[in-house]
C-alpha atoms as a PDB file:
ATOM      1  CA  MET A   1      78.316 134.735 193.568  1.00  0.00           C
ATOM      2  CA  ALA A   2      75.623 132.164 194.325  1.00  0.00           C
ATOM      3  CA  LEU A   3      72.034 133.244 193.809  1.00  0.00           C
ATOM      4  CA  GLU A   4      70.160 133.689 197.076  1.00  0.00           C
ATOM      5  CA  PHE A   5      66.835 132.185 195.996  1.00  0.00           C
ATOM      6  CA  VAL A   6      65.844 129.321 193.727  1.00  0.00           C
ATOM      7  CA  ASP A   7      62.531 131.058 192.943  1.00  0.00           C
ATOM      8  CA  ARG A   8      59.903 133.196 194.645  1.00  0.00           C
ATOM      9  CA  ALA A   9      58.429 130.243 196.543  1.00  0.00           C
ATOM     10  CA  ASP A  10      61.884 129.614 198.026  1.00  0.00           C
ATOM     11  CA  ALA A  11      62.099 133.315 198.895  1.00  0.00           C
ATOM     12  CA  GLY A  12      58.774 133.012 200.733  1.00  0.00           C
ATOM     13  CA  ARG A  13      60.043 130.043 202.729  1.00  0.00           C
ATOM     14  CA  GLN A  14      63.204 131.942 203.644  1.00  0.00           C
ATOM     15  CA  ILE A  15      61.216 135.004 204.772  1.00  0.00           C
ATOM     16  CA  LEU A  16      59.073 132.745 206.970  1.00  0.00           C
ATOM     17  CA  GLU A  17      62.116 130.988 208.404  1.00  0.00           C
ATOM     18  CA  LYS A  18      63.881 134.219 209.312  1.00  0.00           C
ATOM     19  CA  PHE A  19      60.923 136.384 210.382  1.00  0.00           C
ATOM     20  CA  ARG A  20      58.216 133.986 211.629  1.00  0.00           C
ATOM     21  CA  HIS A  21      58.530 135.542 215.102  1.00  0.00           C
ATOM     22  CA  LYS A  22      57.484 138.923 213.661  1.00  0.00           C
ATOM     23  CA  LEU A  23      54.135 137.598 212.411  1.00  0.00           C
ATOM     24  CA  SER A  24      52.649 137.509 215.912  1.00  0.00           C
ATOM     25  CA  GLU A  25      53.064 141.303 215.985  1.00  0.00           C
ATOM     26  CA  LEU A  26      50.776 141.739 212.940  1.00  0.00           C
ATOM     27  CA  ASP A  27      47.015 141.832 212.385  1.00  0.00           C
ATOM     28  CA  LEU A  28      46.987 141.654 208.579  1.00  0.00           C
ATOM     29  CA  LEU A  29      49.259 140.641 205.687  1.00  0.00           C
ATOM     30  CA  VAL A  30      49.027 142.578 202.427  1.00  0.00           C
ATOM     31  CA  VAL A  31      50.319 140.736 199.367  1.00  0.00           C
ATOM     32  CA  VAL A  32      51.652 142.868 196.516  1.00  0.00           C
ATOM     33  CA  LEU A  33      50.381 141.335 193.287  1.00  0.00           C
ATOM     34  CA  PRO A  34      51.267 140.096 190.835  1.00  0.00           C
ATOM     35  CA  ALA A  35      54.912 140.005 191.977  1.00  0.00           C
ATOM     36  CA  ALA A  36      54.546 138.318 195.369  1.00  0.00           C
ATOM     37  CA  GLN A  37      51.948 135.673 194.515  1.00  0.00           C
ATOM     38  CA  GLU A  38      54.333 132.723 194.850  1.00  0.00           C
ATOM     39  CA  ILE A  39      55.810 134.163 198.040  1.00  0.00           C
ATOM     40  CA  ALA A  40      52.317 134.480 199.529  1.00  0.00           C
ATOM     41  CA  PHE A  41      51.605 130.796 198.843  1.00  0.00           C
ATOM     42  CA  ALA A  42      54.407 129.894 201.273  1.00  0.00           C
ATOM     43  CA  PHE A  43      52.720 132.077 203.910  1.00  0.00           C
ATOM     44  CA  ALA A  44      49.176 130.860 203.207  1.00  0.00           C
ATOM     45  CA  SER A  45      49.863 127.318 204.336  1.00  0.00           C
ATOM     46  CA  GLU A  46      51.838 128.385 207.411  1.00  0.00           C
ATOM     47  CA  VAL A  47      50.033 131.344 209.003  1.00  0.00           C
ATOM     48  CA  THR A  48      46.510 132.094 210.165  1.00  0.00           C
ATOM     49  CA  LEU A  49      46.657 135.862 209.664  1.00  0.00           C
ATOM     50  CA  PRO A  50      44.146 137.374 207.266  1.00  0.00           C
ATOM     51  CA  MET A  51      45.671 138.235 203.893  1.00  0.00           C
ATOM     52  CA  ARG A  52      44.551 140.915 201.441  1.00  0.00           C
ATOM     53  CA  ASP A  53      45.687 141.369 197.866  1.00  0.00           C
ATOM     54  CA  LEU A  54      47.049 144.682 196.644  1.00  0.00           C
ATOM     55  CA  VAL A  55      47.155 144.666 192.853  1.00  0.00           C
ATOM     56  CA  ILE A  56      49.541 147.328 191.618  1.00  0.00           C
ATOM     57  CA  ALA A  57      50.001 148.614 188.095  1.00  0.00           C
ATOM     58  CA  ARG A  58      52.436 150.831 186.293  1.00  0.00           C
ATOM     59  CA  ASP A  59      51.605 153.553 183.809  1.00  0.00           C
ATOM     60  CA  LEU A  60      53.498 156.372 182.134  1.00  0.00           C
ATOM     61  CA  THR A  61      53.541 158.391 185.360  1.00  0.00           C
ATOM     62  CA  GLY A  62      54.862 155.559 187.531  1.00  0.00           C
ATOM     63  CA  VAL A  63      53.362 153.055 189.920  1.00  0.00           C
ATOM     64  CA  VAL A  64      49.625 153.056 190.646  1.00  0.00           C
ATOM     65  CA  ILE A  65      48.792 151.955 194.195  1.00  0.00           C
ATOM     66  CA  PRO A  66      45.115 151.399 194.991  1.00  0.00           C
ATOM     67  CA  ARG A  67      43.947 152.489 198.422  1.00  0.00           C
ATOM     68  CA  LEU A  68      43.240 149.792 201.000  1.00  0.00           C
ATOM     69  CA  ASP A  69      40.252 150.514 203.219  1.00  0.00           C
ATOM     70  CA  ASN A  70      39.788 149.419 206.817  1.00  0.00           C
ATOM     71  CA  VAL A  71      43.433 149.452 207.943  1.00  0.00           C
ATOM     72  CA  THR A  72      42.923 152.027 210.703  1.00  0.00           C
ATOM     73  CA  GLY A  73      44.580 150.859 213.901  1.00  0.00           C
ATOM     74  CA  LEU A  74      45.928 147.650 212.332  1.00  0.00           C
ATOM     75  CA  ARG A  75      49.485 146.357 212.400  1.00  0.00           C
ATOM     76  CA  VAL A  76      50.049 145.554 208.726  1.00  0.00           C
ATOM     77  CA  GLY A  77      52.752 143.424 207.119  1.00  0.00           C
ATOM     78  CA  VAL A  78      53.486 143.960 203.427  1.00  0.00           C
ATOM     79  CA  ILE A  79      54.805 140.983 201.433  1.00  0.00           C
ATOM     80  CA  ASP A  80      56.587 141.698 198.158  1.00  0.00           C
ATOM     81  CA  ASP A  81      59.111 139.874 195.981  1.00  0.00           C
ATOM     82  CA  GLY A  82      61.875 142.348 196.778  1.00  0.00           C
ATOM     83  CA  VAL A  83      62.965 145.945 196.555  1.00  0.00           C
ATOM     84  CA  GLU A  84      65.138 147.545 193.887  1.00  0.00           C
ATOM     85  CA  THR A  85      64.677 151.308 194.101  1.00  0.00           C
ATOM     86  CA  GLY A  86      61.973 151.389 196.763  1.00  0.00           C
ATOM     87  CA  THR A  87      59.466 153.387 194.714  1.00  0.00           C
ATOM     88  CA  THR A  88      56.646 150.859 195.018  1.00  0.00           C
ATOM     89  CA  ALA A  89      57.391 150.005 198.645  1.00  0.00           C
ATOM     90  CA  MET A  90      57.487 153.699 199.601  1.00  0.00           C
ATOM     91  CA  ALA A  91      54.120 154.333 197.942  1.00  0.00           C
ATOM     92  CA  ILE A  92      52.528 151.337 199.681  1.00  0.00           C
ATOM     93  CA  GLY A  93      53.913 152.298 203.088  1.00  0.00           C
ATOM     94  CA  ALA A  94      52.748 155.894 202.685  1.00  0.00           C
ATOM     95  CA  MET A  95      49.279 154.698 201.637  1.00  0.00           C
ATOM     96  CA  LEU A  96      49.003 152.462 204.717  1.00  0.00           C
ATOM     97  CA  LYS A  97      50.113 155.211 207.093  1.00  0.00           C
ATOM     98  CA  ALA A  98      47.747 157.722 205.461  1.00  0.00           C
ATOM     99  CA  GLY A  99      44.976 155.142 205.860  1.00  0.00           C
ATOM    100  CA  GLY A 100      45.582 154.998 209.600  1.00  0.00           C
ATOM    101  CA  ALA A 101      47.586 151.784 209.967  1.00  0.00           C
ATOM    102  CA  ASP A 102      49.090 151.664 213.445  1.00  0.00           C
ATOM    103  CA  LYS A 103      52.203 149.841 212.241  1.00  0.00           C
ATOM    104  CA  ALA A 104      53.609 148.962 208.820  1.00  0.00           C
ATOM    105  CA  THR A 105      56.212 146.220 208.411  1.00  0.00           C
ATOM    106  CA  LEU A 106      57.800 145.340 205.068  1.00  0.00           C
ATOM    107  CA  LEU A 107      58.655 141.635 204.602  1.00  0.00           C
ATOM    108  CA  VAL A 108      60.823 140.972 201.554  1.00  0.00           C
ATOM    109  CA  PRO A 109      63.571 138.622 200.412  1.00  0.00           C
ATOM    110  CA  ILE A 110      65.817 141.462 199.149  1.00  0.00           C
ATOM    111  CA  CYS A 111      66.224 145.111 200.078  1.00  0.00           C
ATOM    112  CA  PRO A 112      69.452 146.997 199.373  1.00  0.00           C
ATOM    113  CA  GLN A 113      70.914 148.760 202.402  1.00  0.00           C
ATOM    114  CA  PRO A 114      70.782 152.270 200.882  1.00  0.00           C
ATOM    115  CA  VAL A 115      67.071 151.819 200.096  1.00  0.00           C
ATOM    116  CA  THR A 116      66.291 150.504 203.601  1.00  0.00           C
ATOM    117  CA  VAL A 117      67.396 153.868 204.984  1.00  0.00           C
ATOM    118  CA  LEU A 118      64.701 155.546 202.868  1.00  0.00           C
ATOM    119  CA  LEU A 119      61.967 152.994 203.605  1.00  0.00           C
ATOM    120  CA  VAL A 120      62.116 153.463 207.380  1.00  0.00           C
ATOM    121  CA  ARG A 121      60.516 156.862 206.771  1.00  0.00           C
ATOM    122  CA  VAL A 122      57.207 155.119 206.054  1.00  0.00           C
ATOM    123  CA  TYR A 123      57.697 151.658 207.597  1.00  0.00           C
ATOM    124  CA  ASP A 124      58.176 150.914 211.262  1.00  0.00           C
ATOM    125  CA  GLU A 125      60.326 147.965 210.288  1.00  0.00           C
ATOM    126  CA  VAL A 126      61.951 146.575 207.149  1.00  0.00           C
ATOM    127  CA  CYS A 127      62.575 142.826 207.350  1.00  0.00           C
ATOM    128  CA  ALA A 128      64.730 141.549 204.490  1.00  0.00           C
ATOM    129  CA  VAL A 129      66.426 138.166 204.185  1.00  0.00           C
ATOM    130  CA  GLU A 130      69.242 139.717 202.137  1.00  0.00           C
ATOM    131  CA  GLN A 131      70.421 143.328 202.265  1.00  0.00           C
ATOM    132  CA  PRO A 132      73.037 143.832 199.555  1.00  0.00           C
ATOM    133  CA  LEU A 133      75.251 146.900 199.617  1.00  0.00           C
ATOM    134  CA  VAL A 134      74.132 147.972 196.150  1.00  0.00           C
ATOM    135  CA  PRO A 135      70.830 147.563 194.280  1.00  0.00           C
ATOM    136  CA  HIS A 136      70.519 145.026 191.470  1.00  0.00           C
ATOM    137  CA  ALA A 137      67.580 143.971 189.339  1.00  0.00           C
ATOM    138  CA  LEU A 138      65.499 141.510 191.347  1.00  0.00           C
ATOM    139  CA  SER A 139      66.031 138.819 188.705  1.00  0.00           C
ATOM    140  CA  TRP A 140      69.739 138.900 189.619  1.00  0.00           C
ATOM    141  CA  HIS A 141      68.875 137.258 192.972  1.00  0.00           C
ATOM    142  CA  TYR A 142      66.709 134.431 191.603  1.00  0.00           C
ATOM    143  CA  GLU A 143      67.737 131.285 189.717  1.00  0.00           C
ATOM    144  CA  LYS A 144      64.299 131.044 188.036  1.00  0.00           C
END
């Protein structure tokens, strides 16, 4: 099978190409760092929406998601480099909803179909360029 994306910059371009029309429905883009940095660069030169960084970390108990302030009433798009199990995406979506975001949209290059079903519990919309039937490591989808 051919790999879907040359690298994360290519993934960002493909997200923009497929979902550019969705950006007008958003007030803010949140970039999950460090994973989505290259993807965000593709957005930065093409959109005028404000962007905020969300630096996540992992420890022995799992993923650590810092709280984002001032999202009450906003329509927020979350940019990440893809979804494997959905753990990080679920935590981010739940944090945004708890913080009062009016709408949360996930924008990713890859999200397996079985995980999408879980993510719609905390996201109003999951926009993925590719939705494979089964999860794989994200590196499986990238040439570089």
